[in-house]
PDB file of all heavy atoms in Angstrom:
ATOM      1  N   PHE A   1     -94.771 247.835  66.791  1.00  0.00           N
ATOM      2  CA  PHE A   1     -93.849 246.843  66.294  1.00  0.00           C
ATOM      3  C   PHE A   1     -94.522 245.563  66.280  1.00  0.00           C
ATOM      4  O   PHE A   1     -95.085 245.031  67.285  1.00  0.00           O
ATOM      5  CB  PHE A   1     -92.549 246.669  67.231  1.00  0.00           C
ATOM      6  CG  PHE A   1     -91.471 245.860  66.589  1.00  0.00           C
ATOM      7  CD1 PHE A   1     -90.559 246.480  65.797  1.00  0.00           C
ATOM      8  CD2 PHE A   1     -91.490 244.412  66.681  1.00  0.00           C
ATOM      9  CE1 PHE A   1     -89.560 245.673  65.134  1.00  0.00           C
ATOM     10  CE2 PHE A   1     -90.478 243.745  66.100  1.00  0.00           C
ATOM     11  CZ  PHE A   1     -89.543 244.306  65.293  1.00  0.00           C
ATOM     12  N   ALA A   2     -94.622 244.994  65.003  1.00  0.00           N
ATOM     13  CA  ALA A   2     -95.315 243.764  64.821  1.00  0.00           C
ATOM     14  C   ALA A   2     -94.267 242.580  64.594  1.00  0.00           C
ATOM     15  O   ALA A   2     -93.640 242.435  63.634  1.00  0.00           O
ATOM     16  CB  ALA A   2     -96.155 243.784  63.488  1.00  0.00           C
ATOM     17  N   ALA A   3     -94.066 241.795  65.726  1.00  0.00           N
ATOM     18  CA  ALA A   3     -93.071 240.786  65.684  1.00  0.00           C
ATOM     19  C   ALA A   3     -93.626 239.639  64.887  1.00  0.00           C
ATOM     20  O   ALA A   3     -94.744 239.158  65.039  1.00  0.00           O
ATOM     21  CB  ALA A   3     -92.858 240.289  67.148  1.00  0.00           C
ATOM     22  N   GLU A   4     -92.840 239.135  63.898  1.00  0.00           N
ATOM     23  CA  GLU A   4     -93.243 238.140  62.992  1.00  0.00           C
ATOM     24  C   GLU A   4     -92.806 236.746  63.348  1.00  0.00           C
ATOM     25  O   GLU A   4     -93.578 235.750  63.300  1.00  0.00           O
ATOM     26  CB  GLU A   4     -92.743 238.460  61.583  1.00  0.00           C
ATOM     27  CG  GLU A   4     -93.424 239.705  60.999  1.00  0.00           C
ATOM     28  CD  GLU A   4     -94.897 239.374  60.642  1.00  0.00           C
ATOM     29  OE1 GLU A   4     -95.087 238.350  59.962  1.00  0.00           O
ATOM     30  OE2 GLU A   4     -95.701 240.151  61.071  1.00  0.00           O
ATOM     31  N   SER A   5     -91.559 236.551  63.649  1.00  0.00           N
ATOM     32  CA  SER A   5     -91.035 235.112  63.971  1.00  0.00           C
ATOM     33  C   SER A   5     -89.715 235.333  64.661  1.00  0.00           C
ATOM     34  O   SER A   5     -89.005 236.334  64.592  1.00  0.00           O
ATOM     35  CB  SER A   5     -90.941 234.356  62.636  1.00  0.00           C
ATOM     36  OG  SER A   5     -90.643 233.036  62.883  1.00  0.00           O
ATOM     37  N   MET A   6     -89.277 234.173  65.285  1.00  0.00           N
ATOM     38  CA  MET A   6     -87.963 234.133  65.869  1.00  0.00           C
ATOM     39  C   MET A   6     -87.444 232.706  65.775  1.00  0.00           C
ATOM     40  O   MET A   6     -88.104 231.768  65.477  1.00  0.00           O
ATOM     41  CB  MET A   6     -88.023 234.621  67.355  1.00  0.00           C
ATOM     42  CG  MET A   6     -88.987 233.867  68.313  1.00  0.00           C
ATOM     43  SD  MET A   6     -89.075 234.689  69.927  1.00  0.00           S
ATOM     44  CE  MET A   6     -90.124 233.593  70.824  1.00  0.00           C
ATOM     45  N   PHE A   7     -86.148 232.602  65.986  1.00  0.00           N
ATOM     46  CA  PHE A   7     -85.531 231.264  65.854  1.00  0.00           C
ATOM     47  C   PHE A   7     -84.327 231.245  66.892  1.00  0.00           C
ATOM     48  O   PHE A   7     -83.858 232.221  67.304  1.00  0.00           O
ATOM     49  CB  PHE A   7     -85.049 230.977  64.445  1.00  0.00           C
ATOM     50  CG  PHE A   7     -83.668 231.591  64.132  1.00  0.00           C
ATOM     51  CD1 PHE A   7     -82.536 230.832  64.135  1.00  0.00           C
ATOM     52  CD2 PHE A   7     -83.580 232.938  63.832  1.00  0.00           C
ATOM     53  CE1 PHE A   7     -81.273 231.399  63.880  1.00  0.00           C
ATOM     54  CE2 PHE A   7     -82.323 233.503  63.515  1.00  0.00           C
ATOM     55  CZ  PHE A   7     -81.187 232.756  63.523  1.00  0.00           C
ATOM     56  N   HIS A   8     -83.886 229.986  67.128  1.00  0.00           N
ATOM     57  CA  HIS A   8     -82.775 229.774  67.947  1.00  0.00           C
ATOM     58  C   HIS A   8     -81.946 228.537  67.488  1.00  0.00           C
ATOM     59  O   HIS A   8     -82.468 227.647  66.931  1.00  0.00           O
ATOM     60  CB  HIS A   8     -83.107 229.536  69.426  1.00  0.00           C
ATOM     61  CG  HIS A   8     -83.907 228.313  69.599  1.00  0.00           C
ATOM     62  ND1 HIS A   8     -85.324 228.182  69.457  1.00  0.00           N
ATOM     63  CD2 HIS A   8     -83.539 227.041  70.040  1.00  0.00           C
ATOM     64  CE1 HIS A   8     -85.689 227.017  69.724  1.00  0.00           C
ATOM     65  NE2 HIS A   8     -84.667 226.222  70.109  1.00  0.00           N
ATOM     66  N   ARG A   9     -80.649 228.643  67.567  1.00  0.00           N
ATOM     67  CA  ARG A   9     -79.741 227.422  67.307  1.00  0.00           C
ATOM     68  C   ARG A   9     -78.989 227.108  68.581  1.00  0.00           C
ATOM     69  O   ARG A   9     -78.293 226.042  68.578  1.00  0.00           O
ATOM     70  CB  ARG A   9     -78.719 227.905  66.208  1.00  0.00           C
ATOM     71  CG  ARG A   9     -79.338 228.145  64.891  1.00  0.00           C
ATOM     72  CD  ARG A   9     -78.428 228.433  63.770  1.00  0.00           C
ATOM     73  NE  ARG A   9     -79.105 228.682  62.495  1.00  0.00           N
ATOM     74  CZ  ARG A   9     -78.911 229.649  61.673  1.00  0.00           C
ATOM     75  NH1 ARG A   9     -78.058 230.557  62.005  1.00  0.00           N
ATOM     76  NH2 ARG A   9     -79.599 229.731  60.588  1.00  0.00           N
ATOM     77  N   GLU A  10     -79.275 227.798  69.726  1.00  0.00           N
ATOM     78  CA  GLU A  10     -78.765 227.450  70.944  1.00  0.00           C
ATOM     79  C   GLU A  10     -79.909 227.823  71.947  1.00  0.00           C
ATOM     80  O   GLU A  10     -80.657 228.658  71.740  1.00  0.00           O
ATOM     81  CB  GLU A  10     -77.440 228.125  71.384  1.00  0.00           C
ATOM     82  CG  GLU A  10     -76.221 227.734  70.669  1.00  0.00           C
ATOM     83  CD  GLU A  10     -74.961 228.214  71.260  1.00  0.00           C
ATOM     84  OE1 GLU A  10     -75.019 228.701  72.468  1.00  0.00           O
ATOM     85  OE2 GLU A  10     -73.976 228.312  70.596  1.00  0.00           O
ATOM     86  N   ARG A  11     -79.928 227.014  73.009  1.00  0.00           N
ATOM     87  CA  ARG A  11     -81.024 227.164  73.968  1.00  0.00           C
ATOM     88  C   ARG A  11     -81.118 228.601  74.527  1.00  0.00           C
ATOM     89  O   ARG A  11     -80.099 229.214  74.738  1.00  0.00           O
ATOM     90  CB  ARG A  11     -80.762 226.184  75.222  1.00  0.00           C
ATOM     91  CG  ARG A  11     -81.883 226.243  76.219  1.00  0.00           C
ATOM     92  CD  ARG A  11     -81.577 225.197  77.310  1.00  0.00           C
ATOM     93  NE  ARG A  11     -82.681 225.139  78.267  1.00  0.00           N
ATOM     94  CZ  ARG A  11     -82.705 224.334  79.345  1.00  0.00           C
ATOM     95  NH1 ARG A  11     -81.642 223.635  79.608  1.00  0.00           N
ATOM     96  NH2 ARG A  11     -83.759 224.398  80.173  1.00  0.00           N
ATOM     97  N   ASP A  12     -82.307 229.088  74.539  1.00  0.00           N
ATOM     98  CA  ASP A  12     -82.627 230.492  75.062  1.00  0.00           C
ATOM     99  C   ASP A  12     -82.241 231.579  74.151  1.00  0.00           C
ATOM    100  O   ASP A  12     -82.528 232.777  74.456  1.00  0.00           O
ATOM    101  CB  ASP A  12     -82.033 230.699  76.420  1.00  0.00           C
ATOM    102  CG  ASP A  12     -82.654 229.806  77.483  1.00  0.00           C
ATOM    103  OD1 ASP A  12     -83.803 229.472  77.384  1.00  0.00           O
ATOM    104  OD2 ASP A  12     -81.944 229.612  78.528  1.00  0.00           O
ATOM    105  N   ALA A  13     -81.578 231.289  72.952  1.00  0.00           N
ATOM    106  CA  ALA A  13     -81.156 232.427  72.145  1.00  0.00           C
ATOM    107  C   ALA A  13     -82.248 233.251  71.653  1.00  0.00           C
ATOM    108  O   ALA A  13     -82.121 234.497  71.574  1.00  0.00           O
ATOM    109  CB  ALA A  13     -80.311 231.857  70.978  1.00  0.00           C
ATOM    110  N   SER A  14     -83.367 232.616  71.253  1.00  0.00           N
ATOM    111  CA  SER A  14     -84.542 233.441  70.763  1.00  0.00           C
ATOM    112  C   SER A  14     -85.141 234.300  71.942  1.00  0.00           C
ATOM    113  O   SER A  14     -85.577 235.407  71.693  1.00  0.00           O
ATOM    114  CB  SER A  14     -85.568 232.557  70.175  1.00  0.00           C
ATOM    115  OG  SER A  14     -86.048 231.512  71.062  1.00  0.00           O
ATOM    116  N   LYS A  15     -85.147 233.760  73.074  1.00  0.00           N
ATOM    117  CA  LYS A  15     -85.653 234.531  74.241  1.00  0.00           C
ATOM    118  C   LYS A  15     -84.770 235.672  74.571  1.00  0.00           C
ATOM    119  O   LYS A  15     -85.275 236.727  74.996  1.00  0.00           O
ATOM    120  CB  LYS A  15     -85.823 233.592  75.505  1.00  0.00           C
ATOM    121  CG  LYS A  15     -86.910 232.466  75.303  1.00  0.00           C
ATOM    122  CD  LYS A  15     -86.983 231.566  76.484  1.00  0.00           C
ATOM    123  CE  LYS A  15     -87.956 230.477  76.342  1.00  0.00           C
ATOM    124  NZ  LYS A  15     -88.000 229.585  77.522  1.00  0.00           N
ATOM    125  N   VAL A  16     -83.405 235.389  74.430  1.00  0.00           N
ATOM    126  CA  VAL A  16     -82.493 236.599  74.621  1.00  0.00           C
ATOM    127  C   VAL A  16     -82.824 237.690  73.580  1.00  0.00           C
ATOM    128  O   VAL A  16     -82.835 238.944  73.903  1.00  0.00           O
ATOM    129  CB  VAL A  16     -81.076 236.095  74.528  1.00  0.00           C
ATOM    130  CG1 VAL A  16     -80.092 237.271  74.477  1.00  0.00           C
ATOM    131  CG2 VAL A  16     -80.723 235.146  75.700  1.00  0.00           C
ATOM    132  N   ALA A  17     -83.081 237.257  72.384  1.00  0.00           N
ATOM    133  CA  ALA A  17     -83.453 238.281  71.364  1.00  0.00           C
ATOM    134  C   ALA A  17     -84.714 238.995  71.735  1.00  0.00           C
ATOM    135  O   ALA A  17     -84.768 240.165  71.594  1.00  0.00           O
ATOM    136  CB  ALA A  17     -83.566 237.576  69.939  1.00  0.00           C
ATOM    137  N   LEU A  18     -85.764 238.237  72.176  1.00  0.00           N
ATOM    138  CA  LEU A  18     -86.968 238.934  72.530  1.00  0.00           C
ATOM    139  C   LEU A  18     -86.806 239.822  73.736  1.00  0.00           C
ATOM    140  O   LEU A  18     -87.382 240.884  73.763  1.00  0.00           O
ATOM    141  CB  LEU A  18     -88.064 237.847  72.865  1.00  0.00           C
ATOM    142  CG  LEU A  18     -89.405 238.316  73.138  1.00  0.00           C
ATOM    143  CD1 LEU A  18     -89.970 239.129  71.963  1.00  0.00           C
ATOM    144  CD2 LEU A  18     -90.347 237.198  73.430  1.00  0.00           C
ATOM    145  N   TYR A  19     -85.997 239.396  74.695  1.00  0.00           N
ATOM    146  CA  TYR A  19     -85.680 240.233  75.884  1.00  0.00           C
ATOM    147  C   TYR A  19     -85.179 241.621  75.421  1.00  0.00           C
ATOM    148  O   TYR A  19     -85.552 242.666  75.864  1.00  0.00           O
ATOM    149  CB  TYR A  19     -84.723 239.534  76.793  1.00  0.00           C
ATOM    150  CG  TYR A  19     -84.246 240.413  77.953  1.00  0.00           C
ATOM    151  CD1 TYR A  19     -84.904 240.415  79.209  1.00  0.00           C
ATOM    152  CD2 TYR A  19     -83.053 241.188  77.735  1.00  0.00           C
ATOM    153  CE1 TYR A  19     -84.418 241.189  80.201  1.00  0.00           C
ATOM    154  CE2 TYR A  19     -82.648 242.027  78.822  1.00  0.00           C
ATOM    155  CZ  TYR A  19     -83.224 241.978  80.058  1.00  0.00           C
ATOM    156  OH  TYR A  19     -82.835 242.779  81.087  1.00  0.00           O
ATOM    157  N   HIS A  20     -84.149 241.476  74.562  1.00  0.00           N
ATOM    158  CA  HIS A  20     -83.552 242.749  74.051  1.00  0.00           C
ATOM    159  C   HIS A  20     -84.448 243.588  73.220  1.00  0.00           C
ATOM    160  O   HIS A  20     -84.363 244.788  73.198  1.00  0.00           O
ATOM    161  CB  HIS A  20     -82.203 242.500  73.361  1.00  0.00           C
ATOM    162  CG  HIS A  20     -81.017 242.148  74.289  1.00  0.00           C
ATOM    163  ND1 HIS A  20     -80.279 243.094  74.983  1.00  0.00           N
ATOM    164  CD2 HIS A  20     -80.607 240.985  74.790  1.00  0.00           C
ATOM    165  CE1 HIS A  20     -79.494 242.521  75.744  1.00  0.00           C
ATOM    166  NE2 HIS A  20     -79.594 241.221  75.663  1.00  0.00           N
ATOM    167  N   LEU A  21     -85.320 242.889  72.415  1.00  0.00           N
ATOM    168  CA  LEU A  21     -86.326 243.665  71.622  1.00  0.00           C
ATOM    169  C   LEU A  21     -87.248 244.447  72.519  1.00  0.00           C
ATOM    170  O   LEU A  21     -87.421 245.632  72.250  1.00  0.00           O
ATOM    171  CB  LEU A  21     -87.088 242.690  70.766  1.00  0.00           C
ATOM    172  CG  LEU A  21     -88.287 243.264  69.945  1.00  0.00           C
ATOM    173  CD1 LEU A  21     -87.786 244.339  68.972  1.00  0.00           C
ATOM    174  CD2 LEU A  21     -89.160 242.207  69.255  1.00  0.00           C
ATOM    175  N   VAL A  22     -87.748 243.783  73.555  1.00  0.00           N
ATOM    176  CA  VAL A  22     -88.650 244.472  74.485  1.00  0.00           C
ATOM    177  C   VAL A  22     -87.977 245.754  75.167  1.00  0.00           C
ATOM    178  O   VAL A  22     -88.536 246.782  75.230  1.00  0.00           O
ATOM    179  CB  VAL A  22     -89.258 243.518  75.479  1.00  0.00           C
ATOM    180  CG1 VAL A  22     -90.046 244.295  76.567  1.00  0.00           C
ATOM    181  CG2 VAL A  22     -90.188 242.493  74.857  1.00  0.00           C
ATOM    182  N   LYS A  23     -86.760 245.501  75.505  1.00  0.00           N
ATOM    183  CA  LYS A  23     -85.967 246.511  76.152  1.00  0.00           C
ATOM    184  C   LYS A  23     -85.836 247.718  75.208  1.00  0.00           C
ATOM    185  O   LYS A  23     -85.998 248.945  75.519  1.00  0.00           O
ATOM    186  CB  LYS A  23     -84.697 246.064  76.784  1.00  0.00           C
ATOM    187  CG  LYS A  23     -83.860 247.102  77.448  1.00  0.00           C
ATOM    188  CD  LYS A  23     -82.601 246.549  77.983  1.00  0.00           C
ATOM    189  CE  LYS A  23     -81.850 247.666  78.727  1.00  0.00           C
ATOM    190  NZ  LYS A  23     -81.526 248.928  77.997  1.00  0.00           N
ATOM    191  N   HIS A  24     -85.424 247.352  73.980  1.00  0.00           N
ATOM    192  CA  HIS A  24     -85.225 248.375  72.923  1.00  0.00           C
ATOM    193  C   HIS A  24     -86.485 249.157  72.593  1.00  0.00           C
ATOM    194  O   HIS A  24     -86.468 250.353  72.475  1.00  0.00           O
ATOM    195  CB  HIS A  24     -84.699 247.695  71.701  1.00  0.00           C
ATOM    196  CG  HIS A  24     -84.248 248.619  70.601  1.00  0.00           C
ATOM    197  ND1 HIS A  24     -83.096 249.375  70.616  1.00  0.00           N
ATOM    198  CD2 HIS A  24     -84.812 248.957  69.420  1.00  0.00           C
ATOM    199  CE1 HIS A  24     -83.018 250.118  69.573  1.00  0.00           C
ATOM    200  NE2 HIS A  24     -84.095 249.854  68.784  1.00  0.00           N
ATOM    201  N   LEU A  25     -87.614 248.492  72.484  1.00  0.00           N
ATOM    202  CA  LEU A  25     -88.845 249.189  72.230  1.00  0.00           C
ATOM    203  C   LEU A  25     -89.272 250.044  73.291  1.00  0.00           C
ATOM    204  O   LEU A  25     -89.732 251.220  73.037  1.00  0.00           O
ATOM    205  CB  LEU A  25     -89.965 248.164  71.860  1.00  0.00           C
ATOM    206  CG  LEU A  25     -89.771 247.215  70.747  1.00  0.00           C
ATOM    207  CD1 LEU A  25     -90.890 246.145  70.637  1.00  0.00           C
ATOM    208  CD2 LEU A  25     -89.610 247.974  69.424  1.00  0.00           C
ATOM    209  N   ASN A  26     -89.084 249.663  74.564  1.00  0.00           N
ATOM    210  CA  ASN A  26     -89.319 250.528  75.693  1.00  0.00           C
ATOM    211  C   ASN A  26     -88.410 251.788  75.669  1.00  0.00           C
ATOM    212  O   ASN A  26     -88.905 252.924  75.821  1.00  0.00           O
ATOM    213  CB  ASN A  26     -89.237 249.805  76.983  1.00  0.00           C
ATOM    214  CG  ASN A  26     -90.394 249.028  77.366  1.00  0.00           C
ATOM    215  OD1 ASN A  26     -91.472 249.605  77.450  1.00  0.00           O
ATOM    216  ND2 ASN A  26     -90.293 247.762  77.620  1.00  0.00           N
ATOM    217  N   ASP A  27     -87.223 251.512  75.338  1.00  0.00           N
ATOM    218  CA  ASP A  27     -86.200 252.672  75.346  1.00  0.00           C
ATOM    219  C   ASP A  27     -86.566 253.675  74.129  1.00  0.00           C
ATOM    220  O   ASP A  27     -86.326 254.856  74.297  1.00  0.00           O
ATOM    221  CB  ASP A  27     -84.804 252.122  75.088  1.00  0.00           C
ATOM    222  CG  ASP A  27     -84.212 251.470  76.309  1.00  0.00           C
ATOM    223  OD1 ASP A  27     -84.801 251.509  77.474  1.00  0.00           O
ATOM    224  OD2 ASP A  27     -83.219 250.746  76.106  1.00  0.00           O
ATOM    225  N   ARG A  28     -87.093 253.136  73.051  1.00  0.00           N
ATOM    226  CA  ARG A  28     -87.426 253.937  71.897  1.00  0.00           C
ATOM    227  C   ARG A  28     -88.794 254.620  71.967  1.00  0.00           C
ATOM    228  O   ARG A  28     -89.086 255.432  71.085  1.00  0.00           O
ATOM    229  CB  ARG A  28     -87.174 253.258  70.661  1.00  0.00           C
ATOM    230  CG  ARG A  28     -85.891 252.565  70.370  1.00  0.00           C
ATOM    231  CD  ARG A  28     -84.733 253.556  70.221  1.00  0.00           C
ATOM    232  NE  ARG A  28     -84.864 254.354  68.995  1.00  0.00           N
ATOM    233  CZ  ARG A  28     -83.954 255.158  68.548  1.00  0.00           C
ATOM    234  NH1 ARG A  28     -82.817 255.254  69.154  1.00  0.00           N
ATOM    235  NH2 ARG A  28     -84.170 255.840  67.390  1.00  0.00           N
ATOM    236  N   GLY A  29     -89.574 254.245  72.906  1.00  0.00           N
ATOM    237  CA  GLY A  29     -90.923 254.850  73.033  1.00  0.00           C
ATOM    238  C   GLY A  29     -92.007 254.226  72.318  1.00  0.00           C
ATOM    239  O   GLY A  29     -93.091 254.866  72.077  1.00  0.00           O
ATOM    240  N   TYR A  30     -91.869 252.972  71.923  1.00  0.00           N
ATOM    241  CA  TYR A  30     -92.946 252.188  71.291  1.00  0.00           C
ATOM    242  C   TYR A  30     -94.095 251.932  72.296  1.00  0.00           C
ATOM    243  O   TYR A  30     -93.875 251.943  73.494  1.00  0.00           O
ATOM    244  CB  TYR A  30     -92.427 250.871  70.809  1.00  0.00           C
ATOM    245  CG  TYR A  30     -91.654 251.014  69.404  1.00  0.00           C
ATOM    246  CD1 TYR A  30     -90.396 251.440  69.407  1.00  0.00           C
ATOM    247  CD2 TYR A  30     -92.292 250.679  68.243  1.00  0.00           C
ATOM    248  CE1 TYR A  30     -89.682 251.573  68.223  1.00  0.00           C
ATOM    249  CE2 TYR A  30     -91.615 250.831  67.052  1.00  0.00           C
ATOM    250  CZ  TYR A  30     -90.298 251.281  67.026  1.00  0.00           C
ATOM    251  OH  TYR A  30     -89.622 251.462  65.834  1.00  0.00           O
ATOM    252  N   GLN A  31     -95.278 251.811  71.691  1.00  0.00           N
ATOM    253  CA  GLN A  31     -96.491 251.647  72.529  1.00  0.00           C
ATOM    254  C   GLN A  31     -97.170 250.272  72.397  1.00  0.00           C
ATOM    255  O   GLN A  31     -97.955 249.933  73.216  1.00  0.00           O
ATOM    256  CB  GLN A  31     -97.441 252.757  72.203  1.00  0.00           C
ATOM    257  CG  GLN A  31     -96.889 254.138  72.461  1.00  0.00           C
ATOM    258  CD  GLN A  31     -96.596 254.444  73.914  1.00  0.00           C
ATOM    259  OE1 GLN A  31     -97.513 254.137  74.741  1.00  0.00           O
ATOM    260  NE2 GLN A  31     -95.455 254.940  74.200  1.00  0.00           N
ATOM    261  N   LEU A  32     -96.948 249.571  71.334  1.00  0.00           N
ATOM    262  CA  LEU A  32     -97.650 248.366  71.020  1.00  0.00           C
ATOM    263  C   LEU A  32     -96.769 247.298  70.417  1.00  0.00           C
ATOM    264  O   LEU A  32     -96.140 247.564  69.332  1.00  0.00           O
ATOM    265  CB  LEU A  32     -98.860 248.735  70.057  1.00  0.00           C
ATOM    266  CG  LEU A  32     -99.939 247.635  69.696  1.00  0.00           C
ATOM    267  CD1 LEU A  32    -100.492 247.045  70.871  1.00  0.00           C
ATOM    268  CD2 LEU A  32    -100.874 248.147  68.665  1.00  0.00           C
TER     269      LEU A  32
END
Protein backbone atom coordinates (compact mmCIF):
# COMPACT_ATOMS: atom_id res chain seq x y z
CA PHE A 1 0.00 0.00 0.00
CA ALA A 2 1.56 3.27 -1.16
CA ALA A 3 0.07 6.06 0.94
CA GLU A 4 -0.06 9.26 -1.11
CA SER A 5 -1.47 12.07 1.05
CA MET A 6 -3.78 12.87 3.94
CA PHE A 7 -5.72 15.86 5.23
CA HIS A 8 -7.65 17.03 8.25
CA ARG A 9 -10.34 19.61 8.96
CA GLU A 10 -10.36 18.87 12.68
CA ARG A 11 -7.44 18.19 14.95
CA ASP A 12 -6.11 14.62 14.76
CA ALA A 13 -8.56 13.57 12.04
CA SER A 14 -5.79 12.61 9.60
CA LYS A 15 -3.99 10.66 12.34
CA VAL A 16 -7.23 8.83 13.10
CA ALA A 17 -7.43 7.94 9.40
CA LEU A 18 -3.83 6.69 9.41
CA TYR A 19 -4.40 4.69 12.60
CA HIS A 20 -7.33 2.89 10.96
CA LEU A 21 -5.41 2.43 7.71
CA VAL A 22 -2.55 0.67 9.52
CA LYS A 23 -4.98 -1.53 11.44
CA HIS A 24 -6.84 -2.39 8.24
CA LEU A 25 -3.64 -3.25 6.36
CA ASN A 26 -2.52 -5.54 9.17
CA ASP A 27 -5.92 -7.22 9.24
CA ARG A 28 -5.84 -7.78 5.46
CA GLY A 29 -2.31 -9.19 5.36
CA TYR A 30 -0.40 -6.33 3.74
CA GLN A 31 3.38 -6.41 4.06
CA LEU A 32 4.66 -2.98 3.00
